[in-house]
Amino acid sequence: MEYALDLDPKVVNSSGLPEVTTTPTDWVYTYFRPVDRTDISYAIEVSTDLSSWSEGGVTHEKVSIVNDIETWRALYPLSSASNVFFRLKVTQP
């Protein structure tokens, strides 16, 4: 995960980690990833019970690129759940 988020694995990270916020209509999961990580794939999954996970209903979009770091966010409707958990799934294709 440190590799996927371009974090230093030798230190405890308190910045650069994914964040969850809300808008009036959506849950928003935001994370940063380097543009040069072409050997892995990213997906955002949601759960309401930490048991079953799904990408259903999630809108995953790139927001910006600054200094070779992409900002991505996943939107999930607030109307779908009063509480939701997000999971960043990183895999090698």
N, C-alpha and C. Protein backbone atom coordinates (compact mmCIF):
# COMPACT_ATOMS: atom_id res chain seq x y z
N MET A 1 0.83 -1.18 0.00
CA MET A 1 0.00 0.00 0.00
C MET A 1 0.88 1.26 0.00
N GLU A 2 1.98 1.20 0.72
CA GLU A 2 2.89 2.36 0.74
C GLU A 2 3.37 2.66 -0.69
N TYR A 3 3.71 1.62 -1.44
CA TYR A 3 4.14 1.79 -2.82
C TYR A 3 3.02 2.41 -3.65
N ALA A 4 1.81 1.93 -3.49
CA ALA A 4 0.68 2.41 -4.28
C ALA A 4 0.37 3.88 -4.01
N LEU A 5 0.60 4.33 -2.77
CA LEU A 5 0.30 5.71 -2.40
C LEU A 5 1.54 6.60 -2.41
N ASP A 6 2.69 6.05 -2.83
CA ASP A 6 3.96 6.78 -2.89
C ASP A 6 4.37 7.32 -1.52
N LEU A 7 4.21 6.48 -0.50
CA LEU A 7 4.60 6.84 0.86
C LEU A 7 5.90 6.12 1.23
N ASP A 8 6.59 6.62 2.20
CA ASP A 8 7.85 6.04 2.65
C ASP A 8 7.56 4.89 3.61
N PRO A 9 7.91 3.65 3.27
CA PRO A 9 7.60 2.51 4.13
C PRO A 9 8.44 2.45 5.41
N LYS A 10 9.44 3.32 5.51
CA LYS A 10 10.32 3.29 6.68
C LYS A 10 9.89 4.27 7.77
N VAL A 11 8.81 5.02 7.53
CA VAL A 11 8.33 5.97 8.52
C VAL A 11 6.83 5.82 8.70
N VAL A 12 6.35 6.25 9.86
CA VAL A 12 4.91 6.28 10.12
C VAL A 12 4.36 7.51 9.40
N ASN A 13 3.36 7.29 8.56
CA ASN A 13 2.81 8.39 7.76
C ASN A 13 1.57 8.96 8.40
N SER A 14 1.54 10.27 8.54
CA SER A 14 0.34 10.94 9.04
C SER A 14 -0.26 11.85 7.98
N SER A 15 0.45 12.03 6.88
CA SER A 15 -0.10 12.80 5.76
C SER A 15 0.00 11.97 4.49
N GLY A 16 -0.79 12.33 3.51
CA GLY A 16 -0.80 11.58 2.26
C GLY A 16 -1.69 10.36 2.30
N LEU A 17 -2.40 10.15 3.41
CA LEU A 17 -3.29 9.01 3.54
C LEU A 17 -4.68 9.34 2.99
N PRO A 18 -5.44 8.35 2.57
CA PRO A 18 -6.80 8.60 2.09
C PRO A 18 -7.66 9.27 3.16
N GLU A 19 -8.63 10.05 2.70
CA GLU A 19 -9.55 10.76 3.60
C GLU A 19 -10.99 10.56 3.16
N VAL A 20 -11.89 10.56 4.12
CA VAL A 20 -13.32 10.49 3.83
C VAL A 20 -13.98 11.77 4.30
N THR A 21 -14.75 12.38 3.42
CA THR A 21 -15.53 13.58 3.73
C THR A 21 -16.93 13.39 3.15
N THR A 22 -17.75 14.40 3.30
CA THR A 22 -19.08 14.37 2.68
C THR A 22 -19.36 15.68 1.98
N THR A 23 -20.26 15.61 1.01
CA THR A 23 -20.86 16.77 0.40
C THR A 23 -22.35 16.68 0.76
N PRO A 24 -23.17 17.63 0.35
CA PRO A 24 -24.60 17.49 0.65
C PRO A 24 -25.24 16.23 0.05
N THR A 25 -24.60 15.63 -0.98
CA THR A 25 -25.22 14.48 -1.64
C THR A 25 -24.40 13.19 -1.60
N ASP A 26 -23.10 13.29 -1.29
CA ASP A 26 -22.24 12.11 -1.42
C ASP A 26 -21.25 11.95 -0.28
N TRP A 27 -20.88 10.68 -0.05
CA TRP A 27 -19.66 10.35 0.68
C TRP A 27 -18.54 10.56 -0.31
N VAL A 28 -17.39 11.07 0.13
CA VAL A 28 -16.26 11.31 -0.78
C VAL A 28 -15.01 10.69 -0.17
N TYR A 29 -14.42 9.76 -0.90
CA TYR A 29 -13.17 9.11 -0.49
C TYR A 29 -12.09 9.65 -1.43
N THR A 30 -11.08 10.34 -0.89
CA THR A 30 -10.04 10.97 -1.70
C THR A 30 -8.68 10.36 -1.36
N TYR A 31 -7.90 10.08 -2.39
CA TYR A 31 -6.54 9.56 -2.19
C TYR A 31 -5.63 10.07 -3.30
N PHE A 32 -4.33 9.92 -3.08
CA PHE A 32 -3.32 10.39 -4.02
C PHE A 32 -2.49 9.20 -4.50
N ARG A 33 -2.14 9.22 -5.78
CA ARG A 33 -1.31 8.16 -6.33
C ARG A 33 -0.35 8.71 -7.37
N PRO A 34 0.85 8.14 -7.46
CA PRO A 34 1.82 8.63 -8.44
C PRO A 34 1.45 8.18 -9.85
N VAL A 35 1.76 9.01 -10.83
CA VAL A 35 1.41 8.68 -12.22
C VAL A 35 2.23 7.53 -12.78
N ASP A 36 3.37 7.22 -12.18
CA ASP A 36 4.25 6.19 -12.74
C ASP A 36 3.95 4.77 -12.25
N ARG A 37 2.88 4.55 -11.53
CA ARG A 37 2.54 3.21 -11.01
C ARG A 37 1.65 2.47 -12.01
N THR A 38 2.21 2.17 -13.18
CA THR A 38 1.44 1.50 -14.23
C THR A 38 1.38 -0.01 -14.04
N ASP A 39 2.11 -0.54 -13.06
CA ASP A 39 2.13 -1.98 -12.81
C ASP A 39 1.07 -2.44 -11.82
N ILE A 40 0.24 -1.53 -11.34
CA ILE A 40 -0.82 -1.89 -10.40
C ILE A 40 -2.13 -1.22 -10.80
N SER A 41 -3.23 -1.78 -10.32
CA SER A 41 -4.57 -1.23 -10.57
C SER A 41 -5.20 -0.83 -9.25
N TYR A 42 -6.00 0.21 -9.30
CA TYR A 42 -6.67 0.73 -8.11
C TYR A 42 -8.18 0.60 -8.28
N ALA A 43 -8.86 0.23 -7.21
CA ALA A 43 -10.32 0.18 -7.19
C ALA A 43 -10.78 0.61 -5.81
N ILE A 44 -11.97 1.19 -5.75
CA ILE A 44 -12.56 1.59 -4.48
C ILE A 44 -13.79 0.72 -4.25
N GLU A 45 -13.83 0.11 -3.07
CA GLU A 45 -14.97 -0.70 -2.70
C GLU A 45 -15.63 -0.10 -1.46
N VAL A 46 -16.92 -0.34 -1.31
CA VAL A 46 -17.67 0.15 -0.15
C VAL A 46 -18.35 -1.01 0.56
N SER A 47 -18.61 -0.79 1.85
CA SER A 47 -19.32 -1.77 2.66
C SER A 47 -20.09 -1.03 3.74
N THR A 48 -21.19 -1.61 4.14
CA THR A 48 -21.94 -1.06 5.27
C THR A 48 -21.78 -1.92 6.52
N ASP A 49 -21.14 -3.11 6.36
CA ASP A 49 -21.02 -4.03 7.49
C ASP A 49 -19.61 -4.62 7.68
N LEU A 50 -18.67 -4.19 6.88
CA LEU A 50 -17.28 -4.68 6.90
C LEU A 50 -17.17 -6.16 6.55
N SER A 51 -18.26 -6.75 6.06
CA SER A 51 -18.24 -8.15 5.68
C SER A 51 -18.32 -8.32 4.16
N SER A 52 -19.29 -7.66 3.56
CA SER A 52 -19.43 -7.72 2.10
C SER A 52 -18.97 -6.39 1.49
N TRP A 53 -18.19 -6.49 0.42
CA TRP A 53 -17.62 -5.32 -0.24
C TRP A 53 -18.03 -5.31 -1.71
N SER A 54 -18.23 -4.09 -2.25
CA SER A 54 -18.67 -3.97 -3.64
C SER A 54 -18.20 -2.65 -4.24
N GLU A 55 -18.01 -2.65 -5.55
CA GLU A 55 -17.74 -1.41 -6.28
C GLU A 55 -19.03 -0.78 -6.79
N GLY A 56 -20.16 -1.47 -6.58
CA GLY A 56 -21.46 -1.01 -7.06
C GLY A 56 -21.85 0.34 -6.46
N GLY A 57 -22.27 1.25 -7.31
CA GLY A 57 -22.72 2.57 -6.87
C GLY A 57 -21.60 3.57 -6.65
N VAL A 58 -20.35 3.14 -6.83
CA VAL A 58 -19.19 4.02 -6.61
C VAL A 58 -18.80 4.68 -7.93
N THR A 59 -18.66 5.98 -7.92
CA THR A 59 -18.13 6.72 -9.06
C THR A 59 -16.69 7.08 -8.74
N HIS A 60 -15.76 6.54 -9.52
CA HIS A 60 -14.32 6.69 -9.27
C HIS A 60 -13.77 7.61 -10.36
N GLU A 61 -13.18 8.74 -9.96
CA GLU A 61 -12.73 9.71 -10.96
C GLU A 61 -11.43 10.41 -10.58
N LYS A 62 -10.65 10.73 -11.62
CA LYS A 62 -9.42 11.50 -11.42
C LYS A 62 -9.80 12.98 -11.32
N VAL A 63 -9.26 13.66 -10.30
CA VAL A 63 -9.59 15.07 -10.06
C VAL A 63 -8.53 15.98 -10.66
N SER A 64 -7.24 15.64 -10.44
CA SER A 64 -6.17 16.52 -10.93
C SER A 64 -4.83 15.78 -10.94
N ILE A 65 -3.84 16.41 -11.58
CA ILE A 65 -2.46 15.93 -11.56
C ILE A 65 -1.58 17.13 -11.24
N VAL A 66 -0.77 17.01 -10.19
CA VAL A 66 0.17 18.06 -9.79
C VAL A 66 1.49 17.39 -9.44
N ASN A 67 2.57 17.81 -10.11
CA ASN A 67 3.91 17.26 -9.84
C ASN A 67 3.94 15.74 -9.86
N ASP A 68 3.36 15.13 -10.89
CA ASP A 68 3.34 13.68 -11.08
C ASP A 68 2.57 12.91 -10.00
N ILE A 69 1.71 13.60 -9.26
CA ILE A 69 0.82 12.95 -8.29
C ILE A 69 -0.62 13.22 -8.71
N GLU A 70 -1.37 12.15 -8.90
CA GLU A 70 -2.78 12.27 -9.26
C GLU A 70 -3.65 12.29 -8.00
N THR A 71 -4.64 13.14 -8.00
CA THR A 71 -5.66 13.13 -6.95
C THR A 71 -6.88 12.42 -7.51
N TRP A 72 -7.32 11.39 -6.81
CA TRP A 72 -8.50 10.62 -7.21
C TRP A 72 -9.54 10.69 -6.10
N ARG A 73 -10.79 10.53 -6.51
CA ARG A 73 -11.86 10.47 -5.51
C ARG A 73 -12.92 9.47 -5.95
N ALA A 74 -13.56 8.93 -4.96
CA ALA A 74 -14.68 8.03 -5.18
C ALA A 74 -15.90 8.64 -4.50
N LEU A 75 -16.98 8.70 -5.23
CA LEU A 75 -18.23 9.25 -4.70
C LEU A 75 -19.22 8.10 -4.50
N TYR A 76 -19.91 8.16 -3.38
CA TYR A 76 -20.94 7.16 -3.07
C TYR A 76 -22.12 7.93 -2.46
N PRO A 77 -23.33 7.75 -3.00
CA PRO A 77 -24.47 8.55 -2.55
C PRO A 77 -24.76 8.41 -1.05
N LEU A 78 -24.93 9.55 -0.40
CA LEU A 78 -25.31 9.56 1.02
C LEU A 78 -26.63 8.83 1.24
N SER A 79 -27.50 8.90 0.25
CA SER A 79 -28.81 8.25 0.37
C SER A 79 -28.72 6.73 0.37
N SER A 80 -27.57 6.18 -0.02
CA SER A 80 -27.41 4.72 -0.07
C SER A 80 -27.15 4.09 1.29
N ALA A 81 -26.57 4.87 2.22
CA ALA A 81 -26.25 4.31 3.54
C ALA A 81 -25.98 5.44 4.52
N SER A 82 -26.40 5.24 5.79
CA SER A 82 -26.13 6.26 6.80
C SER A 82 -24.69 6.17 7.30
N ASN A 83 -24.10 4.98 7.20
CA ASN A 83 -22.68 4.77 7.51
C ASN A 83 -22.09 3.90 6.41
N VAL A 84 -20.88 4.22 6.00
CA VAL A 84 -20.24 3.43 4.95
C VAL A 84 -18.74 3.36 5.22
N PHE A 85 -18.16 2.24 4.85
CA PHE A 85 -16.72 2.04 4.97
C PHE A 85 -16.15 1.97 3.56
N PHE A 86 -14.99 2.57 3.37
CA PHE A 86 -14.32 2.52 2.07
C PHE A 86 -13.07 1.66 2.18
N ARG A 87 -12.73 1.02 1.07
CA ARG A 87 -11.51 0.22 1.01
C ARG A 87 -10.83 0.48 -0.33
N LEU A 88 -9.56 0.82 -0.28
CA LEU A 88 -8.76 0.98 -1.48
C LEU A 88 -8.16 -0.38 -1.82
N LYS A 89 -8.54 -0.91 -2.95
CA LYS A 89 -8.06 -2.24 -3.36
C LYS A 89 -7.00 -2.03 -4.44
N VAL A 90 -5.79 -2.51 -4.18
CA VAL A 90 -4.68 -2.38 -5.12
C VAL A 90 -4.27 -3.77 -5.55
N THR A 91 -4.22 -4.01 -6.86
CA THR A 91 -3.86 -5.32 -7.37
C THR A 91 -2.88 -5.20 -8.52
N GLN A 92 -2.18 -6.28 -8.80
CA GLN A 92 -1.33 -6.35 -9.99
C GLN A 92 -2.11 -7.09 -11.05
N PRO A 93 -2.27 -6.46 -12.22
CA PRO A 93 -3.04 -7.12 -13.30
C PRO A 93 -2.37 -8.37 -13.81
